[in-house]
Amino acid sequence: MPVTFDRSAMPGVIRLEGEIDIASGARLKAVLMEALETASGARISLEAATGVDVTAVQLLWAAERGAKATGVALTLDRLVPETLRAALRDAGFERFPLDDDFGEEAEAANEVR
């Protein structure tokens, strides 16, 4: 399954694996909503994700807004894989949802070019 939620970890860990697209959108939405309802929040692991489509990006943006509005801690577990960062940059996004370092890294990459 491309979207799993390990509730036994504190905070819980949402793991995204493989291609996260419209086919896994309903599951991703349900898991993100569940994470936003927990006091401990969750970390999102993209380590095994190979791609995200616009559906997944929209859900992650919405989850980020929801987390900020409710004060729930929703963070990325590790760095976003460069393949995902590059795909979002190519699509015109300035940063990856929940990743405050994305813009800084994009600026540094542009300075090198």
PDB file of N, CA and C in Angstrom:
ATOM      1  N   MET A   1       0.852  -1.178   0.000  1.00  0.00           N
ATOM      2  CA  MET A   1       0.000   0.000   0.000  1.00  0.00           C
ATOM      3  C   MET A   1       0.899   1.244   0.000  1.00  0.00           C
ATOM      4  N   PRO A   2       0.624   2.212  -0.870  1.00  0.00           N
ATOM      5  CA  PRO A   2       1.510   3.373  -0.994  1.00  0.00           C
ATOM      6  C   PRO A   2       1.421   4.364   0.168  1.00  0.00           C
ATOM      7  N   VAL A   3       0.352   4.315   0.971  1.00  0.00           N
ATOM      8  CA  VAL A   3       0.191   5.227   2.100  1.00  0.00           C
ATOM      9  C   VAL A   3      -0.112   4.404   3.338  1.00  0.00           C
ATOM     10  N   THR A   4       0.774   4.508   4.334  1.00  0.00           N
ATOM     11  CA  THR A   4       0.543   3.807   5.595  1.00  0.00           C
ATOM     12  C   THR A   4       0.724   4.787   6.743  1.00  0.00           C
ATOM     13  N   PHE A   5       0.122   4.468   7.880  1.00  0.00           N
ATOM     14  CA  PHE A   5       0.201   5.324   9.060  1.00  0.00           C
ATOM     15  C   PHE A   5       0.567   4.459  10.250  1.00  0.00           C
ATOM     16  N   ASP A   6       1.777   4.637  10.763  1.00  0.00           N
ATOM     17  CA  ASP A   6       2.255   3.910  11.939  1.00  0.00           C
ATOM     18  C   ASP A   6       1.873   4.726  13.170  1.00  0.00           C
ATOM     19  N   ARG A   7       0.783   4.339  13.796  1.00  0.00           N
ATOM     20  CA  ARG A   7       0.283   5.061  14.959  1.00  0.00           C
ATOM     21  C   ARG A   7       1.046   4.718  16.230  1.00  0.00           C
ATOM     22  N   SER A   8       1.825   3.635  16.205  1.00  0.00           N
ATOM     23  CA  SER A   8       2.550   3.217  17.403  1.00  0.00           C
ATOM     24  C   SER A   8       3.753   4.111  17.687  1.00  0.00           C
ATOM     25  N   ALA A   9       4.262   4.791  16.685  1.00  0.00           N
ATOM     26  CA  ALA A   9       5.375   5.720  16.883  1.00  0.00           C
ATOM     27  C   ALA A   9       4.828   7.008  17.499  1.00  0.00           C
ATOM     28  N   MET A  10       5.677   7.719  18.215  1.00  0.00           N
ATOM     29  CA  MET A  10       5.275   9.004  18.795  1.00  0.00           C
ATOM     30  C   MET A  10       6.207  10.089  18.314  1.00  0.00           C
ATOM     31  N   PRO A  11       5.766  11.036  17.529  1.00  0.00           N
ATOM     32  CA  PRO A  11       4.442  11.069  16.924  1.00  0.00           C
ATOM     33  C   PRO A  11       4.327   9.999  15.840  1.00  0.00           C
ATOM     34  N   GLY A  12       3.128   9.786  15.351  1.00  0.00           N
ATOM     35  CA  GLY A  12       2.887   8.790  14.309  1.00  0.00           C
ATOM     36  C   GLY A  12       3.674   9.108  13.049  1.00  0.00           C
ATOM     37  N   VAL A  13       3.892   8.094  12.229  1.00  0.00           N
ATOM     38  CA  VAL A  13       4.641   8.279  10.985  1.00  0.00           C
ATOM     39  C   VAL A  13       3.762   7.867   9.809  1.00  0.00           C
ATOM     40  N   ILE A  14       3.575   8.812   8.900  1.00  0.00           N
ATOM     41  CA  ILE A  14       2.873   8.544   7.652  1.00  0.00           C
ATOM     42  C   ILE A  14       3.946   8.254   6.616  1.00  0.00           C
ATOM     43  N   ARG A  15       3.891   7.071   6.028  1.00  0.00           N
ATOM     44  CA  ARG A  15       4.884   6.688   5.018  1.00  0.00           C
ATOM     45  C   ARG A  15       4.240   6.699   3.636  1.00  0.00           C
ATOM     46  N   LEU A  16       4.883   7.412   2.718  1.00  0.00           N
ATOM     47  CA  LEU A  16       4.443   7.442   1.333  1.00  0.00           C
ATOM     48  C   LEU A  16       5.466   6.666   0.523  1.00  0.00           C
ATOM     49  N   GLU A  17       4.990   5.681  -0.228  1.00  0.00           N
ATOM     50  CA  GLU A  17       5.894   4.807  -0.984  1.00  0.00           C
ATOM     51  C   GLU A  17       5.473   4.734  -2.437  1.00  0.00           C
ATOM     52  N   GLY A  18       6.459   4.750  -3.335  1.00  0.00           N
ATOM     53  CA  GLY A  18       6.187   4.640  -4.763  1.00  0.00           C
ATOM     54  C   GLY A  18       5.548   5.907  -5.297  1.00  0.00           C
ATOM     55  N   GLU A  19       4.698   5.726  -6.301  1.00  0.00           N
ATOM     56  CA  GLU A  19       3.988   6.849  -6.921  1.00  0.00           C
ATOM     57  C   GLU A  19       2.746   7.179  -6.082  1.00  0.00           C
ATOM     58  N   ILE A  20       2.674   8.394  -5.624  1.00  0.00           N
ATOM     59  CA  ILE A  20       1.508   8.844  -4.873  1.00  0.00           C
ATOM     60  C   ILE A  20       0.691   9.698  -5.833  1.00  0.00           C
ATOM     61  N   ASP A  21      -0.448   9.157  -6.234  1.00  0.00           N
ATOM     62  CA  ASP A  21      -1.245   9.817  -7.262  1.00  0.00           C
ATOM     63  C   ASP A  21      -2.722   9.753  -6.893  1.00  0.00           C
ATOM     64  N   ILE A  22      -3.558  10.058  -7.852  1.00  0.00           N
ATOM     65  CA  ILE A  22      -4.999  10.107  -7.599  1.00  0.00           C
ATOM     66  C   ILE A  22      -5.539   8.771  -7.079  1.00  0.00           C
ATOM     67  N   ALA A  23      -4.926   7.673  -7.481  1.00  0.00           N
ATOM     68  CA  ALA A  23      -5.383   6.353  -7.021  1.00  0.00           C
ATOM     69  C   ALA A  23      -5.203   6.183  -5.515  1.00  0.00           C
ATOM     70  N   SER A  24      -4.211   6.833  -4.939  1.00  0.00           N
ATOM     71  CA  SER A  24      -3.984   6.739  -3.497  1.00  0.00           C
ATOM     72  C   SER A  24      -4.456   7.993  -2.766  1.00  0.00           C
ATOM     73  N   GLY A  25      -5.106   8.896  -3.488  1.00  0.00           N
ATOM     74  CA  GLY A  25      -5.542  10.164  -2.912  1.00  0.00           C
ATOM     75  C   GLY A  25      -6.520  10.024  -1.758  1.00  0.00           C
ATOM     76  N   ALA A  26      -7.504   9.154  -1.895  1.00  0.00           N
ATOM     77  CA  ALA A  26      -8.497   8.993  -0.828  1.00  0.00           C
ATOM     78  C   ALA A  26      -7.842   8.479   0.453  1.00  0.00           C
ATOM     79  N   ARG A  27      -6.931   7.524   0.298  1.00  0.00           N
ATOM     80  CA  ARG A  27      -6.223   6.986   1.466  1.00  0.00           C
ATOM     81  C   ARG A  27      -5.342   8.063   2.094  1.00  0.00           C
ATOM     82  N   LEU A  28      -4.615   8.819   1.272  1.00  0.00           N
ATOM     83  CA  LEU A  28      -3.751   9.874   1.795  1.00  0.00           C
ATOM     84  C   LEU A  28      -4.577  10.912   2.545  1.00  0.00           C
ATOM     85  N   LYS A  29      -5.701  11.302   1.992  1.00  0.00           N
ATOM     86  CA  LYS A  29      -6.571  12.283   2.646  1.00  0.00           C
ATOM     87  C   LYS A  29      -7.036  11.769   4.001  1.00  0.00           C
ATOM     88  N   ALA A  30      -7.496  10.523   4.037  1.00  0.00           N
ATOM     89  CA  ALA A  30      -7.988   9.944   5.293  1.00  0.00           C
ATOM     90  C   ALA A  30      -6.892   9.900   6.351  1.00  0.00           C
ATOM     91  N   VAL A  31      -5.692   9.499   5.959  1.00  0.00           N
ATOM     92  CA  VAL A  31      -4.576   9.401   6.905  1.00  0.00           C
ATOM     93  C   VAL A  31      -4.167  10.788   7.394  1.00  0.00           C
ATOM     94  N   LEU A  32      -4.095  11.755   6.499  1.00  0.00           N
ATOM     95  CA  LEU A  32      -3.741  13.120   6.905  1.00  0.00           C
ATOM     96  C   LEU A  32      -4.778  13.699   7.862  1.00  0.00           C
ATOM     97  N   MET A  33      -6.051  13.459   7.574  1.00  0.00           N
ATOM     98  CA  MET A  33      -7.108  13.952   8.465  1.00  0.00           C
ATOM     99  C   MET A  33      -7.008  13.297   9.838  1.00  0.00           C
ATOM    100  N   GLU A  34      -6.724  12.007   9.854  1.00  0.00           N
ATOM    101  CA  GLU A  34      -6.565  11.301  11.129  1.00  0.00           C
ATOM    102  C   GLU A  34      -5.389  11.879  11.908  1.00  0.00           C
ATOM    103  N   ALA A  35      -4.295  12.147  11.223  1.00  0.00           N
ATOM    104  CA  ALA A  35      -3.113  12.708  11.883  1.00  0.00           C
ATOM    105  C   ALA A  35      -3.410  14.088  12.462  1.00  0.00           C
ATOM    106  N   LEU A  36      -4.190  14.881  11.753  1.00  0.00           N
ATOM    107  CA  LEU A  36      -4.529  16.220  12.238  1.00  0.00           C
ATOM    108  C   LEU A  36      -5.458  16.185  13.443  1.00  0.00           C
ATOM    109  N   GLU A  37      -6.124  15.058  13.650  1.00  0.00           N
ATOM    110  CA  GLU A  37      -7.031  14.920  14.790  1.00  0.00           C
ATOM    111  C   GLU A  37      -6.326  14.400  16.041  1.00  0.00           C
ATOM    112  N   THR A  38      -5.079  13.995  15.919  1.00  0.00           N
ATOM    113  CA  THR A  38      -4.352  13.484  17.079  1.00  0.00           C
ATOM    114  C   THR A  38      -3.561  14.612  17.728  1.00  0.00           C
ATOM    115  N   ALA A  39      -3.479  14.574  19.029  1.00  0.00           N
ATOM    116  CA  ALA A  39      -2.744  15.611  19.751  1.00  0.00           C
ATOM    117  C   ALA A  39      -1.251  15.562  19.453  1.00  0.00           C
ATOM    118  N   SER A  40      -0.743  14.362  19.151  1.00  0.00           N
ATOM    119  CA  SER A  40       0.701  14.229  18.925  1.00  0.00           C
ATOM    120  C   SER A  40       1.116  14.556  17.499  1.00  0.00           C
ATOM    121  N   GLY A  41       0.158  14.702  16.593  1.00  0.00           N
ATOM    122  CA  GLY A  41       0.495  15.010  15.206  1.00  0.00           C
ATOM    123  C   GLY A  41       1.160  13.843  14.519  1.00  0.00           C
ATOM    124  N   ALA A  42       1.964  14.142  13.504  1.00  0.00           N
ATOM    125  CA  ALA A  42       2.622  13.076  12.749  1.00  0.00           C
ATOM    126  C   ALA A  42       3.797  13.616  11.959  1.00  0.00           C
ATOM    127  N   ARG A  43       4.664  12.700  11.598  1.00  0.00           N
ATOM    128  CA  ARG A  43       5.769  12.982  10.681  1.00  0.00           C
ATOM    129  C   ARG A  43       5.442  12.277   9.376  1.00  0.00           C
ATOM    130  N   ILE A  44       5.809  12.890   8.270  1.00  0.00           N
ATOM    131  CA  ILE A  44       5.565  12.293   6.962  1.00  0.00           C
ATOM    132  C   ILE A  44       6.897  11.883   6.368  1.00  0.00           C
ATOM    133  N   SER A  45       7.017  10.606   6.047  1.00  0.00           N
ATOM    134  CA  SER A  45       8.235  10.081   5.449  1.00  0.00           C
ATOM    135  C   SER A  45       8.044   9.929   3.943  1.00  0.00           C
ATOM    136  N   LEU A  46       8.889  10.616   3.187  1.00  0.00           N
ATOM    137  CA  LEU A  46       8.858  10.540   1.722  1.00  0.00           C
ATOM    138  C   LEU A  46      10.048   9.751   1.187  1.00  0.00           C
ATOM    139  N   GLU A  47      10.793   9.138   2.084  1.00  0.00           N
ATOM    140  CA  GLU A  47      12.020   8.445   1.715  1.00  0.00           C
ATOM    141  C   GLU A  47      11.821   7.436   0.588  1.00  0.00           C
ATOM    142  N   ALA A  48      10.701   6.728   0.588  1.00  0.00           N
ATOM    143  CA  ALA A  48      10.458   5.687  -0.416  1.00  0.00           C
ATOM    144  C   ALA A  48       9.523   6.154  -1.533  1.00  0.00           C
ATOM    145  N   ALA A  49       9.150   7.430  -1.527  1.00  0.00           N
ATOM    146  CA  ALA A  49       8.267   7.946  -2.582  1.00  0.00           C
ATOM    147  C   ALA A  49       9.086   8.212  -3.844  1.00  0.00           C
ATOM    148  N   THR A  50       8.540   7.816  -4.963  1.00  0.00           N
ATOM    149  CA  THR A  50       9.226   8.045  -6.238  1.00  0.00           C
ATOM    150  C   THR A  50       8.555   9.141  -7.060  1.00  0.00           C
ATOM    151  N   GLY A  51       7.343   9.522  -6.672  1.00  0.00           N
ATOM    152  CA  GLY A  51       6.639  10.581  -7.387  1.00  0.00           C
ATOM    153  C   GLY A  51       5.380  10.978  -6.661  1.00  0.00           C
ATOM    154  N   VAL A  52       4.982  12.238  -6.869  1.00  0.00           N
ATOM    155  CA  VAL A  52       3.724  12.727  -6.334  1.00  0.00           C
ATOM    156  C   VAL A  52       3.032  13.519  -7.432  1.00  0.00           C
ATOM    157  N   ASP A  53       1.736  13.301  -7.578  1.00  0.00           N
ATOM    158  CA  ASP A  53       1.004  14.069  -8.584  1.00  0.00           C
ATOM    159  C   ASP A  53       0.332  15.258  -7.921  1.00  0.00           C
ATOM    160  N   VAL A  54      -0.384  16.026  -8.713  1.00  0.00           N
ATOM    161  CA  VAL A  54      -1.006  17.244  -8.208  1.00  0.00           C
ATOM    162  C   VAL A  54      -2.014  16.939  -7.103  1.00  0.00           C
ATOM    163  N   THR A  55      -2.674  15.806  -7.145  1.00  0.00           N
ATOM    164  CA  THR A  55      -3.614  15.425  -6.092  1.00  0.00           C
ATOM    165  C   THR A  55      -2.899  15.324  -4.755  1.00  0.00           C
ATOM    166  N   ALA A  56      -1.777  14.621  -4.732  1.00  0.00           N
ATOM    167  CA  ALA A  56      -1.016  14.454  -3.492  1.00  0.00           C
ATOM    168  C   ALA A  56      -0.471  15.786  -3.002  1.00  0.00           C
ATOM    169  N   VAL A  57       0.021  16.611  -3.908  1.00  0.00           N
ATOM    170  CA  VAL A  57       0.561  17.915  -3.520  1.00  0.00           C
ATOM    171  C   VAL A  57      -0.546  18.773  -2.906  1.00  0.00           C
ATOM    172  N   GLN A  58      -1.721  18.776  -3.519  1.00  0.00           N
ATOM    173  CA  GLN A  58      -2.839  19.549  -2.974  1.00  0.00           C
ATOM    174  C   GLN A  58      -3.224  19.057  -1.582  1.00  0.00           C
ATOM    175  N   LEU A  59      -3.238  17.751  -1.386  1.00  0.00           N
ATOM    176  CA  LEU A  59      -3.573  17.204  -0.073  1.00  0.00           C
ATOM    177  C   LEU A  59      -2.522  17.583   0.968  1.00  0.00           C
ATOM    178  N   LEU A  60      -1.255  17.554   0.588  1.00  0.00           N
ATOM    179  CA  LEU A  60      -0.195  17.941   1.520  1.00  0.00           C
ATOM    180  C   LEU A  60      -0.275  19.433   1.851  1.00  0.00           C
ATOM    181  N   TRP A  61      -0.573  20.276   0.849  1.00  0.00           N
ATOM    182  CA  TRP A  61      -0.756  21.712   1.119  1.00  0.00           C
ATOM    183  C   TRP A  61      -1.919  21.921   2.085  1.00  0.00           C
ATOM    184  N   ALA A  62      -3.035  21.239   1.846  1.00  0.00           N
ATOM    185  CA  ALA A  62      -4.200  21.383   2.721  1.00  0.00           C
ATOM    186  C   ALA A  62      -3.875  20.918   4.137  1.00  0.00           C
ATOM    187  N   ALA A  63      -3.128  19.833   4.258  1.00  0.00           N
ATOM    188  CA  ALA A  63      -2.737  19.326   5.573  1.00  0.00           C
ATOM    189  C   ALA A  63      -1.831  20.328   6.276  1.00  0.00           C
ATOM    190  N   GLU A  64      -0.939  20.956   5.528  1.00  0.00           N
ATOM    191  CA  GLU A  64      -0.057  21.968   6.121  1.00  0.00           C
ATOM    192  C   GLU A  64      -0.894  23.129   6.680  1.00  0.00           C
ATOM    193  N   ARG A  65      -1.850  23.610   5.890  1.00  0.00           N
ATOM    194  CA  ARG A  65      -2.717  24.697   6.356  1.00  0.00           C
ATOM    195  C   ARG A  65      -3.524  24.267   7.586  1.00  0.00           C
ATOM    196  N   GLY A  66      -4.045  23.048   7.545  1.00  0.00           N
ATOM    197  CA  GLY A  66      -4.812  22.535   8.678  1.00  0.00           C
ATOM    198  C   GLY A  66      -3.976  22.417   9.938  1.00  0.00           C
ATOM    199  N   ALA A  67      -2.760  21.964   9.785  1.00  0.00           N
ATOM    200  CA  ALA A  67      -1.860  21.818  10.931  1.00  0.00           C
ATOM    201  C   ALA A  67      -1.553  23.185  11.544  1.00  0.00           C
ATOM    202  N   LYS A  68      -1.284  24.158  10.696  1.00  0.00           N
ATOM    203  CA  LYS A  68      -0.992  25.503  11.203  1.00  0.00           C
ATOM    204  C   LYS A  68      -2.206  26.105  11.894  1.00  0.00           C
ATOM    205  N   ALA A  69      -3.387  25.877  11.340  1.00  0.00           N
ATOM    206  CA  ALA A  69      -4.605  26.441  11.905  1.00  0.00           C
ATOM    207  C   ALA A  69      -4.963  25.830  13.257  1.00  0.00           C
ATOM    208  N   THR A  70      -4.635  24.559  13.444  1.00  0.00           N
ATOM    209  CA  THR A  70      -5.013  23.868  14.680  1.00  0.00           C
ATOM    210  C   THR A  70      -3.861  23.712  15.666  1.00  0.00           C
ATOM    211  N   GLY A  71      -2.649  24.048  15.247  1.00  0.00           N
ATOM    212  CA  GLY A  71      -1.498  23.910  16.132  1.00  0.00           C
ATOM    213  C   GLY A  71      -0.979  22.494  16.258  1.00  0.00           C
ATOM    214  N   VAL A  72      -1.406  21.614  15.365  1.00  0.00           N
ATOM    215  CA  VAL A  72      -0.937  20.225  15.371  1.00  0.00           C
ATOM    216  C   VAL A  72       0.409  20.155  14.659  1.00  0.00           C
ATOM    217  N   ALA A  73       1.331  19.410  15.235  1.00  0.00           N
ATOM    218  CA  ALA A  73       2.658  19.259  14.631  1.00  0.00           C
ATOM    219  C   ALA A  73       2.592  18.253  13.488  1.00  0.00           C
ATOM    220  N   LEU A  74       2.762  18.735  12.269  1.00  0.00           N
ATOM    221  CA  LEU A  74       2.813  17.881  11.088  1.00  0.00           C
ATOM    222  C   LEU A  74       4.076  18.274  10.346  1.00  0.00           C
ATOM    223  N   THR A  75       5.030  17.362  10.290  1.00  0.00           N
ATOM    224  CA  THR A  75       6.335  17.683   9.736  1.00  0.00           C
ATOM    225  C   THR A  75       6.803  16.600   8.775  1.00  0.00           C
ATOM    226  N   LEU A  76       7.841  16.929   8.020  1.00  0.00           N
ATOM    227  CA  LEU A  76       8.482  15.916   7.187  1.00  0.00           C
ATOM    228  C   LEU A  76       9.483  15.176   8.052  1.00  0.00           C
ATOM    229  N   ASP A  77       9.523  13.850   7.911  1.00  0.00           N
ATOM    230  CA  ASP A  77      10.396  13.002   8.715  1.00  0.00           C
ATOM    231  C   ASP A  77      11.856  13.182   8.321  1.00  0.00           C
ATOM    232  N   ARG A  78      12.101  13.295   7.055  1.00  0.00           N
ATOM    233  CA  ARG A  78      13.465  13.456   6.543  1.00  0.00           C
ATOM    234  C   ARG A  78      13.404  14.412   5.378  1.00  0.00           C
ATOM    235  N   LEU A  79      14.544  14.608   4.779  1.00  0.00           N
ATOM    236  CA  LEU A  79      14.581  15.474   3.610  1.00  0.00           C
ATOM    237  C   LEU A  79      13.745  14.905   2.471  1.00  0.00           C
ATOM    238  N   VAL A  80      13.219  15.781   1.668  1.00  0.00           N
ATOM    239  CA  VAL A  80      12.467  15.379   0.494  1.00  0.00           C
ATOM    240  C   VAL A  80      13.460  14.897  -0.560  1.00  0.00           C
ATOM    241  N   PRO A  81      13.248  13.719  -1.154  1.00  0.00           N
ATOM    242  CA  PRO A  81      14.159  13.242  -2.199  1.00  0.00           C
ATOM    243  C   PRO A  81      14.281  14.268  -3.328  1.00  0.00           C
ATOM    244  N   GLU A  82      15.471  14.426  -3.851  1.00  0.00           N
ATOM    245  CA  GLU A  82      15.726  15.427  -4.886  1.00  0.00           C
ATOM    246  C   GLU A  82      14.837  15.229  -6.107  1.00  0.00           C
ATOM    247  N   THR A  83      14.502  13.993  -6.440  1.00  0.00           N
ATOM    248  CA  THR A  83      13.627  13.766  -7.593  1.00  0.00           C
ATOM    249  C   THR A  83      12.258  14.415  -7.393  1.00  0.00           C
ATOM    250  N   LEU A  84      11.752  14.370  -6.159  1.00  0.00           N
ATOM    251  CA  LEU A  84      10.469  15.001  -5.872  1.00  0.00           C
ATOM    252  C   LEU A  84      10.603  16.519  -5.879  1.00  0.00           C
ATOM    253  N   ARG A  85      11.679  17.024  -5.296  1.00  0.00           N
ATOM    254  CA  ARG A  85      11.918  18.471  -5.291  1.00  0.00           C
ATOM    255  C   ARG A  85      12.005  18.994  -6.725  1.00  0.00           C
ATOM    256  N   ALA A  86      12.767  18.297  -7.555  1.00  0.00           N
ATOM    257  CA  ALA A  86      12.967  18.738  -8.942  1.00  0.00           C
ATOM    258  C   ALA A  86      11.650  18.749  -9.706  1.00  0.00           C
ATOM    259  N   ALA A  87      10.829  17.725  -9.488  1.00  0.00           N
ATOM    260  CA  ALA A  87       9.545  17.655 -10.182  1.00  0.00           C
ATOM    261  C   ALA A  87       8.655  18.834  -9.791  1.00  0.00           C
ATOM    262  N   LEU A  88       8.641  19.184  -8.518  1.00  0.00           N
ATOM    263  CA  LEU A  88       7.820  20.313  -8.090  1.00  0.00           C
ATOM    264  C   LEU A  88       8.388  21.642  -8.584  1.00  0.00           C
ATOM    265  N   ARG A  89       9.703  21.781  -8.563  1.00  0.00           N
ATOM    266  CA  ARG A  89      10.314  23.004  -9.111  1.00  0.00           C
ATOM    267  C   ARG A  89       9.969  23.142 -10.581  1.00  0.00           C
ATOM    268  N   ASP A  90      10.077  22.033 -11.330  1.00  0.00           N
ATOM    269  CA  ASP A  90       9.756  22.054 -12.758  1.00  0.00           C
ATOM    270  C   ASP A  90       8.292  22.402 -13.005  1.00  0.00           C
ATOM    271  N   ALA A  91       7.429  22.064 -12.057  1.00  0.00           N
ATOM    272  CA  ALA A  91       5.997  22.371 -12.180  1.00  0.00           C
ATOM    273  C   ALA A  91       5.673  23.794 -11.721  1.00  0.00           C
ATOM    274  N   GLY A  92       6.692  24.515 -11.239  1.00  0.00           N
ATOM    275  CA  GLY A  92       6.504  25.906 -10.859  1.00  0.00           C
ATOM    276  C   GLY A  92       6.267  26.163  -9.381  1.00  0.00           C
ATOM    277  N   PHE A  93       6.359  25.130  -8.542  1.00  0.00           N
ATOM    278  CA  PHE A  93       6.185  25.332  -7.111  1.00  0.00           C
ATOM    279  C   PHE A  93       7.464  25.912  -6.523  1.00  0.00           C
ATOM    280  N   GLU A  94       7.313  26.865  -5.629  1.00  0.00           N
ATOM    281  CA  GLU A  94       8.470  27.471  -4.983  1.00  0.00           C
ATOM    282  C   GLU A  94       8.999  26.622  -3.845  1.00  0.00           C
ATOM    283  N   ARG A  95       8.136  25.805  -3.265  1.00  0.00           N
ATOM    284  CA  ARG A  95       8.581  24.925  -2.181  1.00  0.00           C
ATOM    285  C   ARG A  95       7.685  23.705  -2.103  1.00  0.00           C
ATOM    286  N   PHE A  96       8.178  22.693  -1.429  1.00  0.00           N
ATOM    287  CA  PHE A  96       7.421  21.469  -1.207  1.00  0.00           C
ATOM    288  C   PHE A  96       6.571  21.679   0.038  1.00  0.00           C
ATOM    289  N   PRO A  97       5.325  21.199   0.070  1.00  0.00           N
ATOM    290  CA  PRO A  97       4.501  21.361   1.277  1.00  0.00           C
ATOM    291  C   PRO A  97       5.207  20.820   2.512  1.00  0.00           C
ATOM    292  N   LEU A  98       5.101  21.541   3.601  1.00  0.00           N
ATOM    293  CA  LEU A  98       5.674  21.169   4.900  1.00  0.00           C
ATOM    294  C   LEU A  98       7.194  21.230   4.928  1.00  0.00           C
ATOM    295  N   ASP A  99       7.834  21.764   3.903  1.00  0.00           N
ATOM    296  CA  ASP A  99       9.296  21.789   3.817  1.00  0.00           C
ATOM    297  C   ASP A  99       9.777  23.231   3.711  1.00  0.00           C
ATOM    298  N   ASP A 100      10.125  23.810   4.846  1.00  0.00           N
ATOM    299  CA  ASP A 100      10.565  25.195   4.866  1.00  0.00           C
ATOM    300  C   ASP A 100      11.923  25.392   4.209  1.00  0.00           C
ATOM    301  N   ASP A 101      12.718  24.337   4.083  1.00  0.00           N
ATOM    302  CA  ASP A 101      14.049  24.454   3.484  1.00  0.00           C
ATOM    303  C   ASP A 101      14.016  24.390   1.963  1.00  0.00           C
ATOM    304  N   PHE A 102      12.894  24.038   1.384  1.00  0.00           N
ATOM    305  CA  PHE A 102      12.808  23.847  -0.065  1.00  0.00           C
ATOM    306  C   PHE A 102      13.216  25.097  -0.822  1.00  0.00           C
ATOM    307  N   GLY A 103      12.695  26.244  -0.433  1.00  0.00           N
ATOM    308  CA  GLY A 103      13.007  27.485  -1.125  1.00  0.00           C
ATOM    309  C   GLY A 103      14.476  27.839  -1.041  1.00  0.00           C
ATOM    310  N   GLU A 104      15.090  27.645   0.118  1.00  0.00           N
ATOM    311  CA  GLU A 104      16.505  27.934   0.295  1.00  0.00           C
ATOM    312  C   GLU A 104      17.355  27.050  -0.599  1.00  0.00           C
ATOM    313  N   GLU A 105      17.000  25.763  -0.677  1.00  0.00           N
ATOM    314  CA  GLU A 105      17.770  24.860  -1.524  1.00  0.00           C
ATOM    315  C   GLU A 105      17.585  25.187  -2.986  1.00  0.00           C
ATOM    316  N   ALA A 106      16.388  25.597  -3.372  1.00  0.00           N
ATOM    317  CA  ALA A 106      16.137  25.973  -4.754  1.00  0.00           C
ATOM    318  C   ALA A 106      16.943  27.221  -5.116  1.00  0.00           C
ATOM    319  N   GLU A 107      17.007  28.183  -4.188  1.00  0.00           N
ATOM    320  CA  GLU A 107      17.796  29.389  -4.435  1.00  0.00           C
ATOM    321  C   GLU A 107      19.264  29.046  -4.588  1.00  0.00           C
ATOM    322  N   ALA A 108      19.769  28.165  -3.730  1.00  0.00           N
ATOM    323  CA  ALA A 108      21.176  27.763  -3.807  1.00  0.00           C
ATOM    324  C   ALA A 108      21.458  27.056  -5.130  1.00  0.00           C
ATOM    325  N   ALA A 109      20.538  26.219  -5.577  1.00  0.00           N
ATOM    326  CA  ALA A 109      20.725  25.511  -6.852  1.00  0.00           C
ATOM    327  C   ALA A 109      20.749  26.504  -8.011  1.00  0.00           C
ATOM    328  N   ASN A 110      19.908  27.522  -7.961  1.00  0.00           N
ATOM    329  CA  ASN A 110      19.880  28.518  -9.018  1.00  0.00           C
ATOM    330  C   ASN A 110      21.151  29.368  -9.040  1.00  0.00           C
ATOM    331  N   GLU A 111      21.754  29.609  -7.873  1.00  0.00           N
ATOM    332  CA  GLU A 111      22.987  30.376  -7.813  1.00  0.00           C
ATOM    333  C   GLU A 111      24.127  29.620  -8.435  1.00  0.00           C
ATOM    334  N   VAL A 112      24.107  28.283  -8.326  1.00  0.00           N
ATOM    335  CA  VAL A 112      25.171  27.441  -8.883  1.00  0.00           C
ATOM    336  C   VAL A 112      25.112  27.437 -10.395  1.00  0.00           C
ATOM    337  N   ARG A 113      23.912  27.525 -10.975  1.00  0.00           N
ATOM    338  CA  ARG A 113      23.739  27.435 -12.420  1.00  0.00           C
ATOM    339  C   ARG A 113      24.335  28.588 -13.140  1.00  0.00           C
TER     340      ARG A 113
END
